[in-house]
């Protein structure tokens, strides 16, 4: 049933199935997992090459077992409503529109998480995201806006390709509560715990 949307799937399941047309959703230890079939073509080679470079794989290593729908959009192999088409970035309309004007901004090259971005691409990606935020605000005049990017399964990343969301917000829309319990662990501004955290991160900076 490749290329079809399984009506029994919902949420993230139907999103991945719809976008790739290749996904098989299955359960594992009570959680939904995705196993996407390899779908490489000549125009998708740059995606594979970047993956090998970033993960230090040898040139002959097989492609990762993933059919990246963002790479397919970049290659023109999957449909999308393109908003911005630049040398290093692309922006298109997300199929999920909880509030109208939800846009995704992506690097053209396949990079899985934000910490793997090189400075030139990161710079272009940031500027493209700013441009999309300005355009969405002008187009829809929302009273608020969220811009976010997720990394790793624990962080809610659904597709292993860096992508920034630009989402208009409206009062009472019930979306994206950062602290659902409204009482996150909090310290005073002079608490030594905060300085210890700062020092830990400073040491890790390159």
Protein backbone atom coordinates (compact mmCIF):
# COMPACT_ATOMS: atom_id res chain seq x y z
CA UNK A 1 0.00 0.00 0.00
CA UNK A 2 2.93 2.30 -0.62
CA UNK A 3 1.88 5.79 -1.60
CA UNK A 4 -1.45 5.48 0.23
CA UNK A 5 -2.54 7.06 3.47
CA UNK A 6 -3.66 4.49 6.02
CA UNK A 7 -6.77 5.93 7.64
CA UNK A 8 -6.05 3.89 10.75
CA UNK A 9 -2.94 5.93 11.41
CA UNK A 10 -3.12 9.27 13.17
CA UNK A 11 -0.91 12.14 14.21
CA UNK A 12 2.77 11.57 13.49
CA UNK A 13 2.00 8.15 11.94
CA UNK A 14 -0.19 9.52 9.15
CA UNK A 15 2.16 12.48 8.66
CA UNK A 16 5.15 10.26 7.91
CA UNK A 17 3.06 7.85 5.80
CA UNK A 18 1.59 10.67 3.73
CA UNK A 19 4.88 12.47 3.16
CA UNK A 20 7.07 9.59 2.12
CA UNK A 21 4.57 7.22 0.57
CA UNK A 22 7.01 4.54 1.69
CA UNK A 23 6.62 4.22 5.43
CA UNK A 24 5.52 1.20 7.34
CA UNK A 25 4.41 2.07 10.83
CA UNK A 26 4.75 -0.69 13.35
CA UNK A 27 4.74 -1.04 17.10
CA UNK A 28 7.75 -1.89 19.22
CA UNK A 29 7.64 -2.00 23.00
CA UNK A 30 4.42 -0.04 22.98
CA UNK A 31 5.78 2.85 20.91
CA UNK A 32 5.31 3.65 17.25
CA UNK A 33 8.47 3.20 15.23
CA UNK A 34 9.10 3.88 11.57
CA UNK A 35 11.03 1.80 9.12
CA UNK A 36 11.38 3.61 5.84
CA UNK A 37 12.50 1.87 2.69
CA UNK A 38 15.60 3.06 0.86
CA UNK A 39 14.59 5.30 -2.01
CA UNK A 40 17.74 6.69 -3.55
CA UNK A 41 17.97 8.11 -7.05
CA UNK A 42 20.76 9.89 -8.88
CA UNK A 43 19.41 13.28 -7.83
CA UNK A 44 19.46 12.20 -4.18
CA UNK A 45 23.18 11.38 -4.17
CA UNK A 46 24.24 14.71 -2.56
CA UNK A 47 22.04 13.83 0.39
CA UNK A 48 23.82 10.50 0.80
CA UNK A 49 27.26 12.07 0.31
CA UNK A 50 26.65 14.63 3.06
CA UNK A 51 25.41 11.92 5.38
CA UNK A 52 28.61 9.95 4.80
CA UNK A 53 30.78 13.02 5.39
CA UNK A 54 29.06 14.01 8.60
CA UNK A 55 29.00 10.47 10.01
CA UNK A 56 32.56 9.71 8.80
CA UNK A 57 31.40 6.70 6.79
CA UNK A 58 33.68 5.38 4.04
CA UNK A 59 32.67 6.28 0.44
CA UNK A 60 31.49 2.74 -0.22
CA UNK A 61 29.28 2.56 2.86
CA UNK A 62 25.60 1.87 2.16
CA UNK A 63 23.10 4.69 2.43
CA UNK A 64 21.25 4.93 5.75
CA UNK A 65 17.97 3.05 5.83
CA UNK A 66 15.82 6.11 5.52
CA UNK A 67 13.84 7.73 2.75
CA UNK A 68 14.08 11.39 3.72
CA UNK A 69 10.98 13.16 2.47
CA UNK A 70 12.72 16.56 2.81
CA UNK A 71 15.52 15.41 0.50
CA UNK A 72 12.87 14.20 -1.95
CA UNK A 73 11.22 17.63 -1.91
CA UNK A 74 14.61 19.33 -2.41
CA UNK A 75 15.30 16.99 -5.35
CA UNK A 76 11.89 17.68 -6.88
CA UNK A 77 10.80 14.06 -6.39
CA UNK A 78 7.97 14.83 -3.96
CA UNK A 79 5.31 17.54 -4.20
CA UNK A 80 5.41 20.63 -2.00
CA UNK A 81 4.19 24.21 -2.08
CA UNK A 82 7.51 26.07 -2.22
CA UNK A 83 7.66 29.50 -0.62
CA UNK A 84 11.41 30.21 -0.76
CA UNK A 85 14.01 28.63 -3.04
CA UNK A 86 17.60 29.67 -2.26
CA UNK A 87 21.06 28.26 -2.96
CA UNK A 88 21.41 26.55 0.44
CA UNK A 89 17.85 26.61 1.81
CA UNK A 90 14.28 25.85 0.90
CA UNK A 91 11.00 26.77 2.58
CA UNK A 92 7.65 25.13 1.94
CA UNK A 93 4.20 24.84 3.47
CA UNK A 94 3.80 22.11 6.09
CA UNK A 95 0.87 19.80 5.35
CA UNK A 96 -0.22 20.23 8.99
CA UNK A 97 -1.84 23.62 9.44
CA UNK A 98 -3.09 23.92 13.05
CA UNK A 99 -2.95 27.64 12.31
CA UNK A 100 -2.82 28.75 8.70
CA UNK A 101 0.66 29.82 7.63
CA UNK A 102 2.73 26.97 9.13
CA UNK A 103 6.00 26.91 7.13
CA UNK A 104 9.06 24.62 7.22
CA UNK A 105 12.54 26.02 6.48
CA UNK A 106 15.24 23.47 5.64
CA UNK A 107 18.83 23.22 4.42
CA UNK A 108 19.12 21.68 0.97
CA UNK A 109 21.84 19.30 2.11
CA UNK A 110 20.86 16.36 4.31
CA UNK A 111 21.95 17.12 7.88
CA UNK A 112 20.14 15.35 10.68
CA UNK A 113 20.49 17.66 13.69
CA UNK A 114 21.32 21.29 14.33
CA UNK A 115 24.63 20.57 16.06
CA UNK A 116 26.00 19.13 12.79
CA UNK A 117 25.42 22.31 10.78
CA UNK A 118 28.45 24.14 9.41
CA UNK A 119 28.55 27.92 9.86
CA UNK A 120 27.75 29.00 6.25
CA UNK A 121 24.67 26.79 6.02
CA UNK A 122 23.61 27.69 9.57
CA UNK A 123 23.86 31.37 8.67
CA UNK A 124 21.78 30.98 5.51
CA UNK A 125 19.25 28.84 7.35
CA UNK A 126 18.86 31.41 10.13
CA UNK A 127 18.35 34.26 7.63
CA UNK A 128 15.83 32.24 5.61
CA UNK A 129 13.92 31.52 8.82
CA UNK A 130 13.87 35.24 9.67
CA UNK A 131 12.56 36.01 6.17
CA UNK A 132 9.79 33.43 6.56
CA UNK A 133 8.85 34.80 9.98
CA UNK A 134 8.55 38.29 8.52
CA UNK A 135 6.52 37.07 5.56
CA UNK A 136 4.13 35.04 7.71
CA UNK A 137 3.59 37.99 10.05
CA UNK A 138 2.84 40.31 7.13
CA UNK A 139 0.56 37.77 5.45
CA UNK A 140 -1.51 36.71 8.48
CA UNK A 141 -0.96 39.38 11.15
CA UNK A 142 -1.02 36.83 13.97
CA UNK A 143 -0.83 38.13 17.56
CA UNK A 144 2.02 35.67 18.21
CA UNK A 145 4.43 33.27 16.53
CA UNK A 146 6.55 30.24 17.38
CA UNK A 147 9.80 29.33 15.65
CA UNK A 148 11.28 26.01 16.71
CA UNK A 149 13.51 23.12 15.67
CA UNK A 150 13.61 19.65 17.25
CA UNK A 151 16.51 17.20 17.55
CA UNK A 152 16.40 13.50 18.25
CA UNK A 153 13.48 11.25 19.16
CA UNK A 154 13.47 12.46 22.76
CA UNK A 155 13.20 16.03 21.47
CA UNK A 156 10.23 15.22 19.25
CA UNK A 157 12.08 15.19 15.92
CA UNK A 158 9.92 13.35 13.39
CA UNK A 159 12.12 13.56 10.28
CA UNK A 160 15.94 13.16 10.46
CA UNK A 161 16.65 16.34 8.50
CA UNK A 162 17.08 19.74 10.16
CA UNK A 163 13.92 21.81 9.74
CA UNK A 164 12.67 24.97 11.39
CA UNK A 165 8.97 25.51 11.95
CA UNK A 166 7.44 28.97 11.58
CA UNK A 167 3.96 28.83 13.11
CA UNK A 168 1.51 31.71 13.62
CA UNK A 169 -0.11 31.69 17.08
CA UNK A 170 -3.48 32.89 18.30
CA UNK A 171 -4.79 33.39 21.81
CA UNK A 172 -6.34 30.21 23.17
CA UNK A 173 -5.22 27.93 20.32
CA UNK A 174 -3.83 25.45 22.86
CA UNK A 175 -0.62 24.73 20.95
CA UNK A 176 2.97 24.23 22.10
CA UNK A 177 3.05 24.68 25.85
CA UNK A 178 6.74 24.58 26.72
CA UNK A 179 6.12 23.81 30.40
CA UNK A 180 2.85 21.85 30.55
CA UNK A 181 2.90 21.59 34.35
CA UNK A 182 3.62 25.35 34.65
CA UNK A 183 6.15 24.64 37.41
CA UNK A 184 9.55 23.74 35.91
CA UNK A 185 12.58 23.47 38.16
CA UNK A 186 13.69 27.05 38.76
CA UNK A 187 16.74 28.69 40.39
CA UNK A 188 17.53 32.18 41.55
CA UNK A 189 19.69 34.20 39.12
CA UNK A 190 22.71 34.01 41.48
CA UNK A 191 22.31 30.32 42.29
CA UNK A 192 25.68 28.50 41.85
CA UNK A 193 23.86 25.72 39.98
CA UNK A 194 23.37 28.05 37.03
CA UNK A 195 27.06 28.99 36.94
CA UNK A 196 27.99 25.31 37.09
CA UNK A 197 25.77 24.66 34.07
CA UNK A 198 27.33 27.63 32.23
CA UNK A 199 30.83 26.36 32.94
CA UNK A 200 29.93 22.86 31.72
CA UNK A 201 28.67 24.26 28.42
CA UNK A 202 31.60 26.69 28.05
CA UNK A 203 34.05 23.80 28.34
CA UNK A 204 32.20 21.91 25.61
CA UNK A 205 32.25 24.79 23.13
CA UNK A 206 34.62 24.50 20.20
